[in-house]
PDB file of all heavy atoms in Angstrom:
ATOM      1  N   PRO A   1     261.061 229.567 172.211  1.00  0.00           N
ATOM      2  CA  PRO A   1     262.114 229.028 171.335  1.00  0.00           C
ATOM      3  C   PRO A   1     263.466 229.613 171.713  1.00  0.00           C
ATOM      4  O   PRO A   1     263.584 230.812 172.005  1.00  0.00           O
ATOM      5  CB  PRO A   1     261.674 229.476 169.934  1.00  0.00           C
ATOM      6  CG  PRO A   1     260.820 230.679 170.167  1.00  0.00           C
ATOM      7  CD  PRO A   1     260.143 230.473 171.497  1.00  0.00           C
ATOM      8  N   SER A   2     264.488 228.777 171.729  1.00  0.00           N
ATOM      9  CA  SER A   2     265.810 229.239 172.128  1.00  0.00           C
ATOM     10  C   SER A   2     266.857 228.321 171.498  1.00  0.00           C
ATOM     11  O   SER A   2     266.559 227.552 170.575  1.00  0.00           O
ATOM     12  CB  SER A   2     265.934 229.252 173.660  1.00  0.00           C
ATOM     13  OG  SER A   2     267.170 229.812 174.061  1.00  0.00           O
ATOM     14  N   ALA A   3     268.082 228.428 171.973  1.00  0.00           N
ATOM     15  CA  ALA A   3     269.173 227.575 171.498  1.00  0.00           C
ATOM     16  C   ALA A   3     269.878 226.975 172.700  1.00  0.00           C
ATOM     17  O   ALA A   3     270.137 227.655 173.689  1.00  0.00           O
ATOM     18  CB  ALA A   3     270.165 228.375 170.653  1.00  0.00           C
ATOM     19  N   CYS A   4     270.182 225.697 172.605  1.00  0.00           N
ATOM     20  CA  CYS A   4     270.897 225.009 173.685  1.00  0.00           C
ATOM     21  C   CYS A   4     272.310 225.561 173.787  1.00  0.00           C
ATOM     22  O   CYS A   4     272.972 225.812 172.779  1.00  0.00           O
ATOM     23  CB  CYS A   4     270.929 223.504 173.401  1.00  0.00           C
ATOM     24  SG  CYS A   4     271.778 222.547 174.670  1.00  0.00           S
ATOM     25  N   ASN A   5     272.788 225.715 174.997  1.00  0.00           N
ATOM     26  CA  ASN A   5     274.127 226.260 175.212  1.00  0.00           C
ATOM     27  C   ASN A   5     274.990 225.305 176.024  1.00  0.00           C
ATOM     28  O   ASN A   5     275.951 225.706 176.660  1.00  0.00           O
ATOM     29  CB  ASN A   5     274.028 227.611 175.932  1.00  0.00           C
ATOM     30  CG  ASN A   5     275.194 228.513 175.561  1.00  0.00           C
ATOM     31  OD1 ASN A   5     275.704 228.444 174.449  1.00  0.00           O
ATOM     32  ND2 ASN A   5     275.608 229.350 176.477  1.00  0.00           N
ATOM     33  N   MET A   6     274.620 224.021 175.999  1.00  0.00           N
ATOM     34  CA  MET A   6     275.385 223.047 176.775  1.00  0.00           C
ATOM     35  C   MET A   6     276.657 222.603 176.053  1.00  0.00           C
ATOM     36  O   MET A   6     277.519 221.958 176.647  1.00  0.00           O
ATOM     37  CB  MET A   6     274.504 221.831 177.080  1.00  0.00           C
ATOM     38  CG  MET A   6     273.298 222.148 177.949  1.00  0.00           C
ATOM     39  SD  MET A   6     273.759 222.744 179.594  1.00  0.00           S
ATOM     40  CE  MET A   6     274.327 221.220 180.342  1.00  0.00           C
ATOM     41  N   CYS A   7     276.774 222.899 174.769  1.00  0.00           N
ATOM     42  CA  CYS A   7     278.013 222.677 174.031  1.00  0.00           C
ATOM     43  C   CYS A   7     277.990 223.614 172.824  1.00  0.00           C
ATOM     44  O   CYS A   7     277.042 224.369 172.629  1.00  0.00           O
ATOM     45  CB  CYS A   7     278.167 221.219 173.606  1.00  0.00           C
ATOM     46  SG  CYS A   7     277.217 220.745 172.151  1.00  0.00           S
ATOM     47  N   TYR A   8     279.028 223.547 171.994  1.00  0.00           N
ATOM     48  CA  TYR A   8     279.108 224.517 170.900  1.00  0.00           C
ATOM     49  C   TYR A   8     278.203 224.202 169.715  1.00  0.00           C
ATOM     50  O   TYR A   8     278.181 224.938 168.736  1.00  0.00           O
ATOM     51  CB  TYR A   8     280.540 224.698 170.420  1.00  0.00           C
ATOM     52  CG  TYR A   8     281.274 223.461 169.968  1.00  0.00           C
ATOM     53  CD1 TYR A   8     280.679 222.522 169.147  1.00  0.00           C
ATOM     54  CD2 TYR A   8     282.599 223.239 170.343  1.00  0.00           C
ATOM     55  CE1 TYR A   8     281.347 221.408 168.717  1.00  0.00           C
ATOM     56  CE2 TYR A   8     283.285 222.117 169.919  1.00  0.00           C
ATOM     57  CZ  TYR A   8     282.652 221.203 169.104  1.00  0.00           C
ATOM     58  OH  TYR A   8     283.337 220.093 168.673  1.00  0.00           O
ATOM     59  N   ASN A   9     277.450 223.108 169.761  1.00  0.00           N
ATOM     60  CA  ASN A   9     276.590 222.782 168.620  1.00  0.00           C
ATOM     61  C   ASN A   9     275.351 223.659 168.542  1.00  0.00           C
ATOM     62  O   ASN A   9     274.788 223.845 167.472  1.00  0.00           O
ATOM     63  CB  ASN A   9     276.201 221.304 168.658  1.00  0.00           C
ATOM     64  CG  ASN A   9     277.367 220.410 168.276  1.00  0.00           C
ATOM     65  OD1 ASN A   9     277.944 220.564 167.222  1.00  0.00           O
ATOM     66  ND2 ASN A   9     277.734 219.495 169.152  1.00  0.00           N
ATOM     67  N   GLY A  10     274.896 224.191 169.671  1.00  0.00           N
ATOM     68  CA  GLY A  10     273.813 225.168 169.660  1.00  0.00           C
ATOM     69  C   GLY A  10     272.530 224.692 169.015  1.00  0.00           C
ATOM     70  O   GLY A  10     271.930 225.412 168.214  1.00  0.00           O
ATOM     71  N   CYS A  11     272.064 223.493 169.355  1.00  0.00           N
ATOM     72  CA  CYS A  11     270.833 222.973 168.753  1.00  0.00           C
ATOM     73  C   CYS A  11     269.625 223.827 169.148  1.00  0.00           C
ATOM     74  O   CYS A  11     269.568 224.395 170.236  1.00  0.00           O
ATOM     75  CB  CYS A  11     270.603 221.529 169.202  1.00  0.00           C
ATOM     76  SG  CYS A  11     271.866 220.391 168.612  1.00  0.00           S
ATOM     77  N   SER A  12     268.651 223.870 168.250  1.00  0.00           N
ATOM     78  CA  SER A  12     267.433 224.650 168.500  1.00  0.00           C
ATOM     79  C   SER A  12     266.546 223.911 169.497  1.00  0.00           C
ATOM     80  O   SER A  12     266.329 222.702 169.375  1.00  0.00           O
ATOM     81  CB  SER A  12     266.672 224.884 167.195  1.00  0.00           C
ATOM     82  OG  SER A  12     267.465 225.631 166.297  1.00  0.00           O
ATOM     83  N   ILE A  13     266.019 224.653 170.464  1.00  0.00           N
ATOM     84  CA  ILE A  13     265.206 224.050 171.513  1.00  0.00           C
ATOM     85  C   ILE A  13     263.952 224.880 171.769  1.00  0.00           C
ATOM     86  O   ILE A  13     263.843 226.032 171.336  1.00  0.00           O
ATOM     87  CB  ILE A  13     265.985 223.913 172.845  1.00  0.00           C
ATOM     88  CG1 ILE A  13     266.458 225.290 173.337  1.00  0.00           C
ATOM     89  CG2 ILE A  13     267.159 222.968 172.688  1.00  0.00           C
ATOM     90  CD1 ILE A  13     267.133 225.264 174.700  1.00  0.00           C
ATOM     91  N   LYS A  14     263.002 224.260 172.466  1.00  0.00           N
ATOM     92  CA  LYS A  14     261.846 224.952 173.004  1.00  0.00           C
ATOM     93  C   LYS A  14     261.860 224.737 174.524  1.00  0.00           C
ATOM     94  O   LYS A  14     262.071 223.624 174.988  1.00  0.00           O
ATOM     95  CB  LYS A  14     260.546 224.404 172.415  1.00  0.00           C
ATOM     96  CG  LYS A  14     260.384 224.639 170.931  1.00  0.00           C
ATOM     97  CD  LYS A  14     258.948 224.371 170.478  1.00  0.00           C
ATOM     98  CE  LYS A  14     258.510 222.967 170.837  1.00  0.00           C
ATOM     99  NZ  LYS A  14     257.103 222.707 170.374  1.00  0.00           N
ATOM    100  N   VAL A  15     261.654 225.821 175.251  1.00  0.00           N
ATOM    101  CA  VAL A  15     261.730 225.761 176.710  1.00  0.00           C
ATOM    102  C   VAL A  15     260.349 226.038 177.296  1.00  0.00           C
ATOM    103  O   VAL A  15     259.736 227.073 177.006  1.00  0.00           O
ATOM    104  CB  VAL A  15     262.753 226.791 177.248  1.00  0.00           C
ATOM    105  CG1 VAL A  15     262.864 226.691 178.763  1.00  0.00           C
ATOM    106  CG2 VAL A  15     264.119 226.578 176.596  1.00  0.00           C
ATOM    107  N   HIS A  16     259.863 225.116 178.112  1.00  0.00           N
ATOM    108  CA  HIS A  16     258.548 225.256 178.740  1.00  0.00           C
ATOM    109  C   HIS A  16     258.725 225.975 180.078  1.00  0.00           C
ATOM    110  O   HIS A  16     259.387 225.478 180.986  1.00  0.00           O
ATOM    111  CB  HIS A  16     257.916 223.885 178.964  1.00  0.00           C
ATOM    112  CG  HIS A  16     256.475 223.946 179.334  1.00  0.00           C
ATOM    113  ND1 HIS A  16     255.745 222.854 179.764  1.00  0.00           N
ATOM    114  CD2 HIS A  16     255.583 224.994 179.347  1.00  0.00           C
ATOM    115  CE1 HIS A  16     254.497 223.210 180.012  1.00  0.00           C
ATOM    116  NE2 HIS A  16     254.391 224.502 179.769  1.00  0.00           N
ATOM    117  N   VAL A  17     258.135 227.157 180.175  1.00  0.00           N
ATOM    118  CA  VAL A  17     258.245 227.989 181.381  1.00  0.00           C
ATOM    119  C   VAL A  17     256.863 228.117 182.020  1.00  0.00           C
ATOM    120  O   VAL A  17     255.909 228.545 181.367  1.00  0.00           O
ATOM    121  CB  VAL A  17     258.811 229.387 181.045  1.00  0.00           C
ATOM    122  CG1 VAL A  17     258.884 230.251 182.313  1.00  0.00           C
ATOM    123  CG2 VAL A  17     260.185 229.256 180.400  1.00  0.00           C
ATOM    124  N   VAL A  18     256.770 227.753 183.283  1.00  0.00           N
ATOM    125  CA  VAL A  18     255.534 227.871 184.054  1.00  0.00           C
ATOM    126  C   VAL A  18     255.807 228.726 185.277  1.00  0.00           C
ATOM    127  O   VAL A  18     256.640 228.390 186.114  1.00  0.00           O
ATOM    128  CB  VAL A  18     255.002 226.489 184.489  1.00  0.00           C
ATOM    129  CG1 VAL A  18     253.739 226.654 185.340  1.00  0.00           C
ATOM    130  CG2 VAL A  18     254.706 225.612 183.271  1.00  0.00           C
ATOM    131  N   GLU A  19     255.139 229.880 185.328  1.00  0.00           N
ATOM    132  CA  GLU A  19     255.292 230.817 186.435  1.00  0.00           C
ATOM    133  C   GLU A  19     256.766 231.124 186.718  1.00  0.00           C
ATOM    134  O   GLU A  19     257.234 231.088 187.855  1.00  0.00           O
ATOM    135  CB  GLU A  19     254.608 230.264 187.685  1.00  0.00           C
ATOM    136  CG  GLU A  19     253.139 229.982 187.479  1.00  0.00           C
ATOM    137  CD  GLU A  19     252.269 230.518 188.612  1.00  0.00           C
ATOM    138  OE1 GLU A  19     252.823 231.004 189.611  1.00  0.00           O
ATOM    139  OE2 GLU A  19     251.055 230.461 188.463  1.00  0.00           O
ATOM    140  N   GLY A  20     257.522 231.388 185.623  1.00  0.00           N
ATOM    141  CA  GLY A  20     258.921 231.797 185.768  1.00  0.00           C
ATOM    142  C   GLY A  20     259.901 230.669 185.987  1.00  0.00           C
ATOM    143  O   GLY A  20     261.093 230.912 186.155  1.00  0.00           O
ATOM    144  N   THR A  21     259.424 229.426 185.981  1.00  0.00           N
ATOM    145  CA  THR A  21     260.302 228.288 186.228  1.00  0.00           C
ATOM    146  C   THR A  21     260.336 227.379 185.001  1.00  0.00           C
ATOM    147  O   THR A  21     259.295 227.039 184.443  1.00  0.00           O
ATOM    148  CB  THR A  21     259.815 227.468 187.435  1.00  0.00           C
ATOM    149  OG1 THR A  21     259.800 228.305 188.593  1.00  0.00           O
ATOM    150  CG2 THR A  21     260.734 226.275 187.688  1.00  0.00           C
ATOM    151  N   VAL A  22     261.543 227.011 184.593  1.00  0.00           N
ATOM    152  CA  VAL A  22     261.701 226.076 183.481  1.00  0.00           C
ATOM    153  C   VAL A  22     261.330 224.684 183.974  1.00  0.00           C
ATOM    154  O   VAL A  22     261.911 224.177 184.940  1.00  0.00           O
ATOM    155  CB  VAL A  22     263.144 226.083 182.947  1.00  0.00           C
ATOM    156  CG1 VAL A  22     263.324 225.004 181.880  1.00  0.00           C
ATOM    157  CG2 VAL A  22     263.497 227.445 182.368  1.00  0.00           C
ATOM    158  N   VAL A  23     260.370 224.051 183.307  1.00  0.00           N
ATOM    159  CA  VAL A  23     259.940 222.721 183.720  1.00  0.00           C
ATOM    160  C   VAL A  23     260.294 221.658 182.680  1.00  0.00           C
ATOM    161  O   VAL A  23     260.272 220.469 182.996  1.00  0.00           O
ATOM    162  CB  VAL A  23     258.416 222.694 184.007  1.00  0.00           C
ATOM    163  CG1 VAL A  23     258.083 223.621 185.160  1.00  0.00           C
ATOM    164  CG2 VAL A  23     257.618 223.068 182.760  1.00  0.00           C
ATOM    165  N   LYS A  24     260.616 222.072 181.462  1.00  0.00           N
ATOM    166  CA  LYS A  24     260.955 221.083 180.453  1.00  0.00           C
ATOM    167  C   LYS A  24     261.705 221.744 179.297  1.00  0.00           C
ATOM    168  O   LYS A  24     261.472 222.910 178.984  1.00  0.00           O
ATOM    169  CB  LYS A  24     259.691 220.391 179.918  1.00  0.00           C
ATOM    170  CG  LYS A  24     259.984 219.174 179.044  1.00  0.00           C
ATOM    171  CD  LYS A  24     258.712 218.423 178.673  1.00  0.00           C
ATOM    172  CE  LYS A  24     259.055 217.150 177.917  1.00  0.00           C
ATOM    173  NZ  LYS A  24     257.846 216.394 177.524  1.00  0.00           N
ATOM    174  N   ILE A  25     262.595 220.979 178.679  1.00  0.00           N
ATOM    175  CA  ILE A  25     263.312 221.407 177.471  1.00  0.00           C
ATOM    176  C   ILE A  25     263.107 220.340 176.406  1.00  0.00           C
ATOM    177  O   ILE A  25     263.264 219.138 176.674  1.00  0.00           O
ATOM    178  CB  ILE A  25     264.813 221.601 177.736  1.00  0.00           C
ATOM    179  CG1 ILE A  25     265.046 222.661 178.808  1.00  0.00           C
ATOM    180  CG2 ILE A  25     265.541 221.985 176.454  1.00  0.00           C
ATOM    181  CD1 ILE A  25     266.507 222.812 179.210  1.00  0.00           C
ATOM    182  N   GLU A  26     262.743 220.747 175.197  1.00  0.00           N
ATOM    183  CA  GLU A  26     262.566 219.831 174.080  1.00  0.00           C
ATOM    184  C   GLU A  26     263.271 220.384 172.855  1.00  0.00           C
ATOM    185  O   GLU A  26     263.532 221.589 172.761  1.00  0.00           O
ATOM    186  CB  GLU A  26     261.072 219.643 173.748  1.00  0.00           C
ATOM    187  CG  GLU A  26     260.255 218.937 174.799  1.00  0.00           C
ATOM    188  CD  GLU A  26     258.803 218.759 174.376  1.00  0.00           C
ATOM    189  OE1 GLU A  26     258.445 219.272 173.285  1.00  0.00           O
ATOM    190  OE2 GLU A  26     258.043 218.125 175.123  1.00  0.00           O
ATOM    191  N   GLY A  27     263.552 219.510 171.901  1.00  0.00           N
ATOM    192  CA  GLY A  27     264.072 219.966 170.621  1.00  0.00           C
ATOM    193  C   GLY A  27     262.996 220.693 169.844  1.00  0.00           C
ATOM    194  O   GLY A  27     261.802 220.427 169.994  1.00  0.00           O
ATOM    195  N   ASN A  28     263.425 221.633 168.994  1.00  0.00           N
ATOM    196  CA  ASN A  28     262.477 222.424 168.206  1.00  0.00           C
ATOM    197  C   ASN A  28     262.331 221.809 166.811  1.00  0.00           C
ATOM    198  O   ASN A  28     263.243 221.902 165.985  1.00  0.00           O
ATOM    199  CB  ASN A  28     262.961 223.870 168.095  1.00  0.00           C
ATOM    200  CG  ASN A  28     261.916 224.788 167.485  1.00  0.00           C
ATOM    201  OD1 ASN A  28     260.968 224.329 166.858  1.00  0.00           O
ATOM    202  ND2 ASN A  28     262.086 226.083 167.684  1.00  0.00           N
ATOM    203  N   PRO A  29     261.193 221.191 166.522  1.00  0.00           N
ATOM    204  CA  PRO A  29     261.028 220.534 165.220  1.00  0.00           C
ATOM    205  C   PRO A  29     260.935 221.502 164.054  1.00  0.00           C
ATOM    206  O   PRO A  29     261.016 221.093 162.895  1.00  0.00           O
ATOM    207  CB  PRO A  29     259.715 219.751 165.388  1.00  0.00           C
ATOM    208  CG  PRO A  29     258.957 220.506 166.437  1.00  0.00           C
ATOM    209  CD  PRO A  29     259.994 221.054 167.373  1.00  0.00           C
TER     210      PRO A  29
END
């Protein structure tokens, strides 16, 4: 779980990490 930093809105996100590599970003329900 993290926060998006692509703009100042800072939406809550979930980041899928596989072997140290980000493979997907989704919103956090």
